[in-house]
Amino acid sequence: MEKLFSFTAVLWFSALFIPGFISVKVYGIAVASERPDFSKSFYDAVAYSVLNFAVFLPFLYWFQTEGWLSNPWVFGGVVYVVMLIAPIVWPLLYLLLCNLGAFPRSAQPTPWDDLFSRKPEVWVVAHMKSGKTVGGLYTTEDAAASTYPTLQQLLLNEAWEMGEDGKPLKAIPRSKGVLFNMSEVESLEFYE
């Protein structure tokens, strides 16, 4: 009776799954997204692993013909780069190229995420469901916005008193900010 699992089979599975798995996880961390159902992402992980090896195949062939892979240190370094470093770099490189305009902008899950991923510096006027109007300043320094898939919340740097016309009058003394739960907000207005 043959062994069900051999060491070689485990190595092949690792080589065809782990690099893609790492890339999928890194992309999921870098871009706001729901936790992936890995039963559906399994084939993506294998495909990304195959692409990763396709990129490195000429180098691996050259290293092998030169006899460098017989050195355990070189072999270990190549495995480390191909199986761990490159799968981390590929999704980050893709996102960088998207931001530089080389590829279409990576789609954000919601307009909320798209707006706040650009790190705007804006005045925000919130019309609350209670009828009250609250305003404040959003800058990248101390403000924050939640990302998909968490509940939408917005933290502004400082709260401002609002006039009857909805325009900001003055900063509330000693204000350290204001936190909005979007479930309590009717609409938001943004101004430069």
N, C-alpha and C. Protein backbone atom coordinates (compact mmCIF):
# COMPACT_ATOMS: atom_id res chain seq x y z
N MET A 1 0.86 -1.18 0.00
CA MET A 1 0.00 0.00 0.00
C MET A 1 0.90 1.24 0.00
N GLU A 2 0.63 2.16 -0.93
CA GLU A 2 1.44 3.37 -1.03
C GLU A 2 1.07 4.34 0.08
N LYS A 3 2.04 5.18 0.40
CA LYS A 3 1.77 6.23 1.39
C LYS A 3 0.78 7.22 0.79
N LEU A 4 -0.15 7.66 1.61
CA LEU A 4 -1.14 8.64 1.15
C LEU A 4 -0.49 9.98 0.88
N PHE A 5 0.40 10.38 1.76
CA PHE A 5 1.12 11.64 1.60
C PHE A 5 2.61 11.36 1.59
N SER A 6 3.27 11.87 0.62
CA SER A 6 4.72 11.76 0.60
C SER A 6 5.31 13.14 0.82
N PHE A 7 6.55 13.18 1.20
CA PHE A 7 7.24 14.44 1.42
C PHE A 7 7.25 15.27 0.15
N THR A 8 7.44 14.62 -0.99
CA THR A 8 7.46 15.32 -2.28
C THR A 8 6.10 15.95 -2.57
N ALA A 9 5.03 15.22 -2.28
CA ALA A 9 3.69 15.76 -2.52
C ALA A 9 3.43 16.99 -1.65
N VAL A 10 3.89 16.94 -0.41
CA VAL A 10 3.72 18.08 0.49
C VAL A 10 4.51 19.28 -0.03
N LEU A 11 5.72 19.04 -0.53
CA LEU A 11 6.52 20.13 -1.09
C LEU A 11 5.85 20.74 -2.32
N TRP A 12 5.32 19.91 -3.20
CA TRP A 12 4.63 20.43 -4.39
C TRP A 12 3.39 21.23 -4.01
N PHE A 13 2.63 20.70 -3.06
CA PHE A 13 1.44 21.44 -2.60
C PHE A 13 1.85 22.79 -2.02
N SER A 14 2.89 22.79 -1.19
CA SER A 14 3.36 24.05 -0.59
C SER A 14 3.80 25.03 -1.66
N ALA A 15 4.54 24.54 -2.63
CA ALA A 15 5.05 25.41 -3.69
C ALA A 15 3.92 25.98 -4.54
N LEU A 16 2.85 25.21 -4.73
CA LEU A 16 1.75 25.67 -5.57
C LEU A 16 0.64 26.37 -4.80
N PHE A 17 0.76 26.45 -3.49
CA PHE A 17 -0.30 27.09 -2.71
C PHE A 17 0.20 28.25 -1.86
N ILE A 18 1.29 28.08 -1.16
CA ILE A 18 1.73 29.08 -0.17
C ILE A 18 2.02 30.46 -0.78
N PRO A 19 2.76 30.58 -1.88
CA PRO A 19 3.00 31.93 -2.41
C PRO A 19 1.70 32.68 -2.77
N GLY A 20 0.78 31.98 -3.41
CA GLY A 20 -0.50 32.61 -3.75
C GLY A 20 -1.32 32.94 -2.54
N PHE A 21 -1.31 32.07 -1.54
CA PHE A 21 -2.01 32.31 -0.28
C PHE A 21 -1.49 33.59 0.37
N ILE A 22 -0.16 33.74 0.39
CA ILE A 22 0.45 34.94 0.97
C ILE A 22 0.02 36.17 0.19
N SER A 23 0.05 36.10 -1.14
CA SER A 23 -0.35 37.26 -1.96
C SER A 23 -1.80 37.64 -1.71
N VAL A 24 -2.69 36.65 -1.64
CA VAL A 24 -4.11 36.93 -1.39
C VAL A 24 -4.28 37.60 -0.03
N LYS A 25 -3.58 37.12 0.98
CA LYS A 25 -3.68 37.69 2.32
C LYS A 25 -3.13 39.12 2.37
N VAL A 26 -1.98 39.35 1.73
CA VAL A 26 -1.39 40.70 1.73
C VAL A 26 -2.31 41.67 1.01
N TYR A 27 -2.88 41.28 -0.12
CA TYR A 27 -3.81 42.15 -0.84
C TYR A 27 -5.04 42.44 0.03
N GLY A 28 -5.54 41.43 0.71
CA GLY A 28 -6.70 41.61 1.58
C GLY A 28 -6.43 42.55 2.74
N ILE A 29 -5.19 42.59 3.22
CA ILE A 29 -4.82 43.51 4.30
C ILE A 29 -4.67 44.92 3.74
N ALA A 30 -4.08 45.03 2.55
CA ALA A 30 -3.80 46.35 1.96
C ALA A 30 -5.05 47.04 1.43
N VAL A 31 -6.05 46.27 1.00
CA VAL A 31 -7.28 46.83 0.43
C VAL A 31 -8.43 46.39 1.32
N ALA A 32 -9.25 47.33 1.72
CA ALA A 32 -10.39 47.00 2.57
C ALA A 32 -11.28 45.99 1.86
N SER A 33 -11.49 44.86 2.50
CA SER A 33 -12.32 43.83 1.89
C SER A 33 -12.85 42.92 2.98
N GLU A 34 -13.88 42.16 2.61
CA GLU A 34 -14.41 41.18 3.53
C GLU A 34 -13.41 40.05 3.66
N ARG A 35 -13.51 39.33 4.74
CA ARG A 35 -12.66 38.16 4.88
C ARG A 35 -12.99 37.20 3.75
N PRO A 36 -11.98 36.79 2.99
CA PRO A 36 -12.28 35.90 1.87
C PRO A 36 -12.69 34.51 2.33
N ASP A 37 -13.61 33.93 1.59
CA ASP A 37 -13.99 32.54 1.79
C ASP A 37 -12.91 31.73 1.07
N PHE A 38 -12.02 31.10 1.84
CA PHE A 38 -10.87 30.49 1.19
C PHE A 38 -11.22 29.29 0.36
N SER A 39 -12.41 28.73 0.54
CA SER A 39 -12.81 27.65 -0.36
C SER A 39 -12.99 28.20 -1.77
N LYS A 40 -13.32 29.49 -1.90
CA LYS A 40 -13.44 30.13 -3.21
C LYS A 40 -12.12 30.73 -3.68
N SER A 41 -11.23 31.08 -2.75
CA SER A 41 -9.96 31.71 -3.10
C SER A 41 -8.84 30.70 -3.33
N PHE A 42 -9.11 29.43 -3.10
CA PHE A 42 -8.08 28.40 -3.25
C PHE A 42 -7.50 28.43 -4.66
N TYR A 43 -8.37 28.47 -5.66
CA TYR A 43 -7.90 28.45 -7.05
C TYR A 43 -7.15 29.73 -7.40
N ASP A 44 -7.57 30.86 -6.82
CA ASP A 44 -6.83 32.11 -7.01
C ASP A 44 -5.43 31.98 -6.45
N ALA A 45 -5.31 31.40 -5.26
CA ALA A 45 -4.00 31.24 -4.63
C ALA A 45 -3.09 30.37 -5.49
N VAL A 46 -3.63 29.29 -6.03
CA VAL A 46 -2.83 28.41 -6.89
C VAL A 46 -2.43 29.16 -8.17
N ALA A 47 -3.35 29.91 -8.76
CA ALA A 47 -3.04 30.66 -9.98
C ALA A 47 -1.96 31.71 -9.71
N TYR A 48 -2.04 32.42 -8.59
CA TYR A 48 -1.01 33.42 -8.27
C TYR A 48 0.34 32.75 -8.01
N SER A 49 0.32 31.56 -7.41
CA SER A 49 1.57 30.83 -7.20
C SER A 49 2.20 30.45 -8.53
N VAL A 50 1.38 29.99 -9.47
CA VAL A 50 1.90 29.61 -10.79
C VAL A 50 2.47 30.84 -11.50
N LEU A 51 1.79 31.97 -11.42
CA LEU A 51 2.32 33.20 -12.02
C LEU A 51 3.64 33.61 -11.36
N ASN A 52 3.70 33.49 -10.05
CA ASN A 52 4.93 33.81 -9.32
C ASN A 52 6.08 32.95 -9.84
N PHE A 53 5.85 31.65 -9.98
CA PHE A 53 6.91 30.77 -10.48
C PHE A 53 7.22 31.03 -11.95
N ALA A 54 6.22 31.43 -12.72
CA ALA A 54 6.47 31.75 -14.13
C ALA A 54 7.43 32.93 -14.26
N VAL A 55 7.30 33.90 -13.38
CA VAL A 55 8.21 35.05 -13.39
C VAL A 55 9.63 34.60 -13.05
N PHE A 56 9.76 33.71 -12.08
CA PHE A 56 11.09 33.30 -11.61
C PHE A 56 11.69 32.14 -12.40
N LEU A 57 10.92 31.50 -13.28
CA LEU A 57 11.41 30.32 -13.98
C LEU A 57 12.72 30.56 -14.74
N PRO A 58 12.87 31.65 -15.51
CA PRO A 58 14.16 31.85 -16.20
C PRO A 58 15.34 31.97 -15.23
N PHE A 59 15.12 32.64 -14.11
CA PHE A 59 16.18 32.79 -13.11
C PHE A 59 16.51 31.44 -12.45
N LEU A 60 15.46 30.68 -12.14
CA LEU A 60 15.68 29.37 -11.54
C LEU A 60 16.43 28.46 -12.50
N TYR A 61 16.07 28.50 -13.77
CA TYR A 61 16.75 27.69 -14.78
C TYR A 61 18.22 28.10 -14.88
N TRP A 62 18.48 29.38 -14.90
CA TRP A 62 19.85 29.89 -15.00
C TRP A 62 20.66 29.50 -13.77
N PHE A 63 20.06 29.64 -12.57
CA PHE A 63 20.76 29.25 -11.34
C PHE A 63 21.08 27.76 -11.38
N GLN A 64 20.15 26.95 -11.87
CA GLN A 64 20.36 25.50 -11.94
C GLN A 64 21.48 25.15 -12.92
N THR A 65 21.47 25.77 -14.11
CA THR A 65 22.51 25.46 -15.11
C THR A 65 23.89 25.91 -14.65
N GLU A 66 23.95 26.96 -13.86
CA GLU A 66 25.23 27.43 -13.33
C GLU A 66 25.69 26.62 -12.12
N GLY A 67 24.81 25.76 -11.62
CA GLY A 67 25.15 24.92 -10.47
C GLY A 67 25.03 25.62 -9.13
N TRP A 68 24.46 26.81 -9.12
CA TRP A 68 24.37 27.58 -7.88
C TRP A 68 23.37 26.99 -6.89
N LEU A 69 22.34 26.32 -7.41
CA LEU A 69 21.32 25.77 -6.51
C LEU A 69 21.84 24.59 -5.70
N SER A 70 23.02 24.07 -6.04
CA SER A 70 23.59 22.98 -5.23
C SER A 70 24.16 23.52 -3.92
N ASN A 71 24.40 24.82 -3.85
CA ASN A 71 24.85 25.44 -2.60
C ASN A 71 23.63 25.63 -1.70
N PRO A 72 23.64 25.04 -0.49
CA PRO A 72 22.45 25.14 0.37
C PRO A 72 22.06 26.57 0.74
N TRP A 73 23.05 27.49 0.85
CA TRP A 73 22.73 28.87 1.20
C TRP A 73 22.03 29.57 0.05
N VAL A 74 22.52 29.34 -1.15
CA VAL A 74 21.88 29.94 -2.33
C VAL A 74 20.49 29.35 -2.51
N PHE A 75 20.38 28.03 -2.38
CA PHE A 75 19.08 27.36 -2.51
C PHE A 75 18.08 27.91 -1.49
N GLY A 76 18.53 28.03 -0.22
CA GLY A 76 17.66 28.57 0.83
C GLY A 76 17.25 30.00 0.54
N GLY A 77 18.19 30.82 0.06
CA GLY A 77 17.86 32.21 -0.29
C GLY A 77 16.86 32.30 -1.41
N VAL A 78 17.03 31.44 -2.43
CA VAL A 78 16.09 31.43 -3.56
C VAL A 78 14.70 31.01 -3.09
N VAL A 79 14.64 29.97 -2.28
CA VAL A 79 13.34 29.52 -1.75
C VAL A 79 12.70 30.64 -0.93
N TYR A 80 13.46 31.30 -0.11
CA TYR A 80 12.97 32.39 0.73
C TYR A 80 12.39 33.52 -0.13
N VAL A 81 13.11 33.92 -1.17
CA VAL A 81 12.65 35.00 -2.05
C VAL A 81 11.41 34.57 -2.83
N VAL A 82 11.46 33.39 -3.45
CA VAL A 82 10.37 32.94 -4.32
C VAL A 82 9.11 32.61 -3.52
N MET A 83 9.27 32.01 -2.34
CA MET A 83 8.11 31.54 -1.58
C MET A 83 7.56 32.56 -0.59
N LEU A 84 8.37 33.55 -0.17
CA LEU A 84 7.90 34.48 0.86
C LEU A 84 7.99 35.94 0.44
N ILE A 85 9.15 36.39 0.04
CA ILE A 85 9.34 37.82 -0.25
C ILE A 85 8.53 38.26 -1.47
N ALA A 86 8.71 37.56 -2.59
CA ALA A 86 8.01 37.95 -3.83
C ALA A 86 6.48 37.95 -3.66
N PRO A 87 5.89 36.93 -3.02
CA PRO A 87 4.43 36.97 -2.84
C PRO A 87 3.94 38.15 -2.00
N ILE A 88 4.79 38.69 -1.14
CA ILE A 88 4.42 39.88 -0.39
C ILE A 88 4.55 41.12 -1.27
N VAL A 89 5.58 41.14 -2.11
CA VAL A 89 5.87 42.31 -2.94
C VAL A 89 4.87 42.47 -4.09
N TRP A 90 4.43 41.37 -4.73
CA TRP A 90 3.56 41.48 -5.92
C TRP A 90 2.29 42.30 -5.68
N PRO A 91 1.48 42.00 -4.65
CA PRO A 91 0.26 42.81 -4.47
C PRO A 91 0.56 44.27 -4.12
N LEU A 92 1.63 44.50 -3.36
CA LEU A 92 1.99 45.88 -3.02
C LEU A 92 2.47 46.64 -4.25
N LEU A 93 3.22 45.97 -5.11
CA LEU A 93 3.67 46.57 -6.36
C LEU A 93 2.48 46.88 -7.27
N TYR A 94 1.54 45.96 -7.34
CA TYR A 94 0.33 46.18 -8.14
C TYR A 94 -0.44 47.41 -7.64
N LEU A 95 -0.62 47.52 -6.33
CA LEU A 95 -1.35 48.67 -5.77
C LEU A 95 -0.58 49.97 -6.01
N LEU A 96 0.74 49.93 -5.91
CA LEU A 96 1.55 51.12 -6.19
C LEU A 96 1.38 51.54 -7.65
N LEU A 97 1.43 50.59 -8.56
CA LEU A 97 1.26 50.91 -9.99
C LEU A 97 -0.16 51.44 -10.27
N CYS A 98 -1.15 50.93 -9.56
CA CYS A 98 -2.51 51.46 -9.71
C CYS A 98 -2.56 52.92 -9.27
N ASN A 99 -1.93 53.21 -8.15
CA ASN A 99 -1.91 54.58 -7.63
C ASN A 99 -1.14 55.53 -8.53
N LEU A 100 -0.13 55.01 -9.25
CA LEU A 100 0.65 55.84 -10.18
C LEU A 100 -0.04 55.97 -11.54
N GLY A 101 -1.15 55.26 -11.74
CA GLY A 101 -1.90 55.37 -12.98
C GLY A 101 -1.49 54.38 -14.06
N ALA A 102 -0.59 53.43 -13.76
CA ALA A 102 -0.18 52.44 -14.75
C ALA A 102 -1.29 51.45 -15.06
N PHE A 103 -2.13 51.19 -14.08
CA PHE A 103 -3.30 50.33 -14.23
C PHE A 103 -4.51 51.13 -13.80
N PRO A 104 -5.70 50.72 -14.21
CA PRO A 104 -6.89 51.41 -13.69
C PRO A 104 -6.89 51.34 -12.17
N ARG A 105 -7.40 52.41 -11.57
CA ARG A 105 -7.41 52.48 -10.10
C ARG A 105 -8.10 51.26 -9.53
N SER A 106 -7.47 50.70 -8.54
CA SER A 106 -8.03 49.53 -7.87
C SER A 106 -9.38 49.92 -7.27
N ALA A 107 -10.40 49.17 -7.58
CA ALA A 107 -11.75 49.51 -7.13
C ALA A 107 -11.85 49.43 -5.61
N GLN A 108 -12.46 50.44 -5.05
CA GLN A 108 -12.74 50.43 -3.62
C GLN A 108 -14.13 49.83 -3.44
N PRO A 109 -14.38 49.16 -2.33
CA PRO A 109 -15.67 48.51 -2.14
C PRO A 109 -16.85 49.49 -2.06
N THR A 110 -16.62 50.70 -1.55
CA THR A 110 -17.71 51.67 -1.40
C THR A 110 -17.20 53.06 -1.75
N PRO A 111 -18.10 54.00 -2.10
CA PRO A 111 -17.67 55.39 -2.30
C PRO A 111 -17.02 55.98 -1.05
N TRP A 112 -17.47 55.55 0.10
CA TRP A 112 -16.90 55.99 1.38
C TRP A 112 -15.41 55.65 1.42
N ASP A 113 -15.07 54.41 1.11
CA ASP A 113 -13.66 53.98 1.11
C ASP A 113 -12.86 54.69 0.04
N ASP A 114 -13.48 54.92 -1.12
CA ASP A 114 -12.79 55.61 -2.20
C ASP A 114 -12.43 57.04 -1.78
N LEU A 115 -13.39 57.74 -1.19
CA LEU A 115 -13.15 59.12 -0.75
C LEU A 115 -12.03 59.19 0.28
N PHE A 116 -12.12 58.39 1.32
CA PHE A 116 -11.16 58.50 2.41
C PHE A 116 -9.82 57.83 2.12
N SER A 117 -9.76 56.98 1.08
CA SER A 117 -8.46 56.43 0.68
C SER A 117 -7.59 57.50 0.04
N ARG A 118 -8.22 58.57 -0.47
CA ARG A 118 -7.47 59.69 -1.06
C ARG A 118 -6.94 60.66 -0.01
N LYS A 119 -7.27 60.43 1.26
CA LYS A 119 -6.82 61.26 2.38
C LYS A 119 -7.09 62.75 2.15
N PRO A 120 -8.37 63.09 1.99
CA PRO A 120 -8.69 64.50 1.74
C PRO A 120 -8.55 65.34 3.00
N GLU A 121 -8.35 66.63 2.81
CA GLU A 121 -8.40 67.58 3.92
C GLU A 121 -9.61 68.45 3.64
N VAL A 122 -10.70 68.21 4.39
CA VAL A 122 -11.98 68.84 4.10
C VAL A 122 -12.71 69.25 5.38
N TRP A 123 -13.62 70.20 5.18
CA TRP A 123 -14.59 70.53 6.21
C TRP A 123 -15.76 69.57 6.01
N VAL A 124 -16.28 69.07 7.09
CA VAL A 124 -17.40 68.14 7.01
C VAL A 124 -18.57 68.74 7.78
N VAL A 125 -19.72 68.76 7.13
CA VAL A 125 -20.96 69.17 7.78
C VAL A 125 -21.87 67.95 7.79
N ALA A 126 -22.24 67.52 8.99
CA ALA A 126 -23.09 66.34 9.15
C ALA A 126 -24.49 66.77 9.54
N HIS A 127 -25.45 66.32 8.77
CA HIS A 127 -26.86 66.55 9.08
C HIS A 127 -27.35 65.28 9.77
N MET A 128 -27.59 65.41 11.08
CA MET A 128 -27.97 64.26 11.88
C MET A 128 -29.45 63.93 11.69
N LYS A 129 -29.80 62.69 11.92
CA LYS A 129 -31.20 62.27 11.82
C LYS A 129 -32.06 62.97 12.87
N SER A 130 -31.44 63.42 13.95
CA SER A 130 -32.16 64.15 15.00
C SER A 130 -32.52 65.57 14.57
N GLY A 131 -31.98 66.04 13.43
CA GLY A 131 -32.23 67.39 12.96
C GLY A 131 -31.10 68.36 13.26
N LYS A 132 -30.18 67.97 14.10
CA LYS A 132 -29.04 68.81 14.47
C LYS A 132 -28.01 68.79 13.34
N THR A 133 -27.28 69.90 13.20
CA THR A 133 -26.18 69.99 12.24
C THR A 133 -24.88 70.14 13.01
N VAL A 134 -23.93 69.27 12.70
CA VAL A 134 -22.64 69.26 13.38
C VAL A 134 -21.56 69.35 12.32
N GLY A 135 -20.52 70.10 12.60
CA GLY A 135 -19.44 70.23 11.62
C GLY A 135 -18.09 70.07 12.26
N GLY A 136 -17.09 69.90 11.39
CA GLY A 136 -15.74 69.78 11.89
C GLY A 136 -14.74 69.65 10.77
N LEU A 137 -13.50 69.54 11.16
CA LEU A 137 -12.39 69.49 10.22
C LEU A 137 -11.85 68.06 10.14
N TYR A 138 -11.65 67.59 8.91
CA TYR A 138 -11.04 66.27 8.69
C TYR A 138 -9.71 66.49 7.98
N THR A 139 -8.63 66.16 8.65
CA THR A 139 -7.31 66.17 8.02
C THR A 139 -6.66 64.83 8.31
N THR A 140 -5.59 64.54 7.60
CA THR A 140 -4.94 63.24 7.76
C THR A 140 -4.17 63.13 9.06
N GLU A 141 -4.03 64.25 9.78
CA GLU A 141 -3.21 64.25 11.00
C GLU A 141 -3.85 63.46 12.13
N ASP A 142 -5.04 63.83 12.55
CA ASP A 142 -5.67 63.17 13.69
C ASP A 142 -7.05 62.61 13.38
N ALA A 143 -7.52 62.77 12.18
CA ALA A 143 -8.84 62.27 11.82
C ALA A 143 -8.73 60.83 11.32
N ALA A 144 -9.87 60.14 11.28
CA ALA A 144 -9.88 58.76 10.81
C ALA A 144 -11.26 58.41 10.27
N ALA A 145 -11.29 57.48 9.34
CA ALA A 145 -12.54 56.96 8.81
C ALA A 145 -12.42 55.44 8.77
N SER A 146 -13.47 54.77 9.17
CA SER A 146 -13.45 53.31 9.14
C SER A 146 -13.47 52.83 7.69
N THR A 147 -13.12 51.59 7.47
CA THR A 147 -13.13 51.03 6.13
C THR A 147 -14.03 49.80 6.08
N TYR A 148 -14.44 49.50 4.89
CA TYR A 148 -15.26 48.32 4.63
C TYR A 148 -14.50 47.09 5.09
N PRO A 149 -15.09 46.14 5.72
CA PRO A 149 -16.51 45.92 5.94
C PRO A 149 -17.01 46.37 7.31
N THR A 150 -16.21 47.11 8.09
CA THR A 150 -16.67 47.54 9.41
C THR A 150 -17.74 48.63 9.26
N LEU A 151 -18.47 48.87 10.34
CA LEU A 151 -19.50 49.90 10.33
C LEU A 151 -18.84 51.26 10.08
N GLN A 152 -19.52 52.10 9.31
CA GLN A 152 -18.94 53.39 8.95
C GLN A 152 -18.95 54.34 10.14
N GLN A 153 -17.76 54.81 10.49
CA GLN A 153 -17.57 55.81 11.52
C GLN A 153 -16.59 56.84 10.99
N LEU A 154 -16.74 58.07 11.46
CA LEU A 154 -15.87 59.15 11.03
C LEU A 154 -15.44 59.93 12.25
N LEU A 155 -14.13 60.10 12.41
CA LEU A 155 -13.57 60.89 13.50
C LEU A 155 -12.96 62.14 12.89
N LEU A 156 -13.48 63.30 13.29
CA LEU A 156 -12.96 64.58 12.81
C LEU A 156 -11.96 65.13 13.82
N ASN A 157 -11.02 65.92 13.33
CA ASN A 157 -9.96 66.48 14.19
C ASN A 157 -10.53 67.36 15.29
N GLU A 158 -11.48 68.22 14.92
CA GLU A 158 -12.04 69.14 15.90
C GLU A 158 -13.49 69.45 15.52
N ALA A 159 -14.29 69.72 16.53
CA ALA A 159 -15.69 70.07 16.32
C ALA A 159 -15.83 71.58 16.22
N TRP A 160 -16.76 72.03 15.38
CA TRP A 160 -17.01 73.46 15.19
C TRP A 160 -18.48 73.76 15.43
N GLU A 161 -18.73 74.98 15.96
CA GLU A 161 -20.10 75.47 16.09
C GLU A 161 -20.57 75.84 14.70
N MET A 162 -21.81 75.51 14.42
CA MET A 162 -22.35 75.76 13.08
C MET A 162 -23.40 76.86 13.15
N GLY A 163 -23.43 77.72 12.15
CA GLY A 163 -24.42 78.78 12.06
C GLY A 163 -25.75 78.24 11.55
N GLU A 164 -26.75 79.10 11.56
CA GLU A 164 -28.07 78.72 11.07
C GLU A 164 -28.03 78.32 9.59
N ASP A 165 -27.12 78.96 8.85
CA ASP A 165 -26.99 78.69 7.42
C ASP A 165 -26.15 77.44 7.13
N GLY A 166 -25.68 76.75 8.19
CA GLY A 166 -24.89 75.54 8.01
C GLY A 166 -23.41 75.79 7.82
N LYS A 167 -22.97 77.05 7.95
CA LYS A 167 -21.55 77.36 7.79
C LYS A 167 -20.86 77.31 9.14
N PRO A 168 -19.58 76.88 9.16
CA PRO A 168 -18.87 76.82 10.44
C PRO A 168 -18.58 78.22 10.98
N LEU A 169 -18.81 78.41 12.28
CA LEU A 169 -18.59 79.71 12.91
C LEU A 169 -17.23 79.76 13.60
N LYS A 170 -17.01 78.84 14.56
CA LYS A 170 -15.73 78.83 15.27
C LYS A 170 -15.52 77.45 15.90
N ALA A 171 -14.24 77.14 16.12
CA ALA A 171 -13.91 75.86 16.75
C ALA A 171 -14.41 75.86 18.19
N ILE A 172 -14.94 74.74 18.61
CA ILE A 172 -15.37 74.60 20.00
C ILE A 172 -14.11 74.52 20.86
N PRO A 173 -14.00 75.38 21.88
CA PRO A 173 -12.77 75.40 22.70
C PRO A 173 -12.44 74.02 23.27
N ARG A 174 -11.15 73.69 23.24
CA ARG A 174 -10.60 72.44 23.78
C ARG A 174 -11.16 71.20 23.09
N SER A 175 -11.72 71.37 21.90
CA SER A 175 -12.26 70.23 21.17
C SER A 175 -11.12 69.31 20.72
N LYS A 176 -11.28 68.05 20.98
CA LYS A 176 -10.32 67.04 20.53
C LYS A 176 -10.90 66.22 19.38
N GLY A 177 -12.03 66.67 18.87
CA GLY A 177 -12.64 65.97 17.75
C GLY A 177 -14.07 65.58 18.01
N VAL A 178 -14.65 64.98 17.01
CA VAL A 178 -16.02 64.50 17.12
C VAL A 178 -16.11 63.19 16.34
N LEU A 179 -16.80 62.22 16.92
CA LEU A 179 -16.95 60.90 16.32
C LEU A 179 -18.39 60.73 15.86
N PHE A 180 -18.55 60.34 14.60
CA PHE A 180 -19.87 60.10 14.04
C PHE A 180 -20.06 58.62 13.76
N ASN A 181 -21.18 58.08 14.16
CA ASN A 181 -21.63 56.78 13.69
C ASN A 181 -22.58 57.08 12.54
N MET A 182 -22.28 56.56 11.38
CA MET A 182 -23.07 56.91 10.20
C MET A 182 -24.51 56.44 10.30
N SER A 183 -24.81 55.53 11.21
CA SER A 183 -26.19 55.10 11.40
C SER A 183 -27.04 56.24 11.97
N GLU A 184 -26.39 57.27 12.54
CA GLU A 184 -27.11 58.41 13.12
C GLU A 184 -27.07 59.65 12.24
N VAL A 185 -26.43 59.53 11.06
CA VAL A 185 -26.25 60.67 10.17
C VAL A 185 -27.16 60.54 8.96
N GLU A 186 -27.87 61.63 8.63
CA GLU A 186 -28.73 61.66 7.45
C GLU A 186 -27.90 61.86 6.19
N SER A 187 -26.99 62.84 6.23
CA SER A 187 -26.12 63.10 5.08
C SER A 187 -24.88 63.87 5.53
N LEU A 188 -23.84 63.80 4.69
CA LEU A 188 -22.61 64.53 4.93
C LEU A 188 -22.35 65.47 3.76
N GLU A 189 -21.81 66.65 4.08
CA GLU A 189 -21.37 67.59 3.05
C GLU A 189 -19.88 67.80 3.27
N PHE A 190 -19.14 67.92 2.14
CA PHE A 190 -17.69 68.11 2.20
C PHE A 190 -17.33 69.41 1.50
N TYR A 191 -16.47 70.21 2.14
CA TYR A 191 -16.02 71.49 1.57
C TYR A 191 -14.50 71.58 1.69
N GLU A 192 -13.91 72.28 0.72
CA GLU A 192 -12.47 72.52 0.78
C GLU A 192 -12.18 73.54 1.86
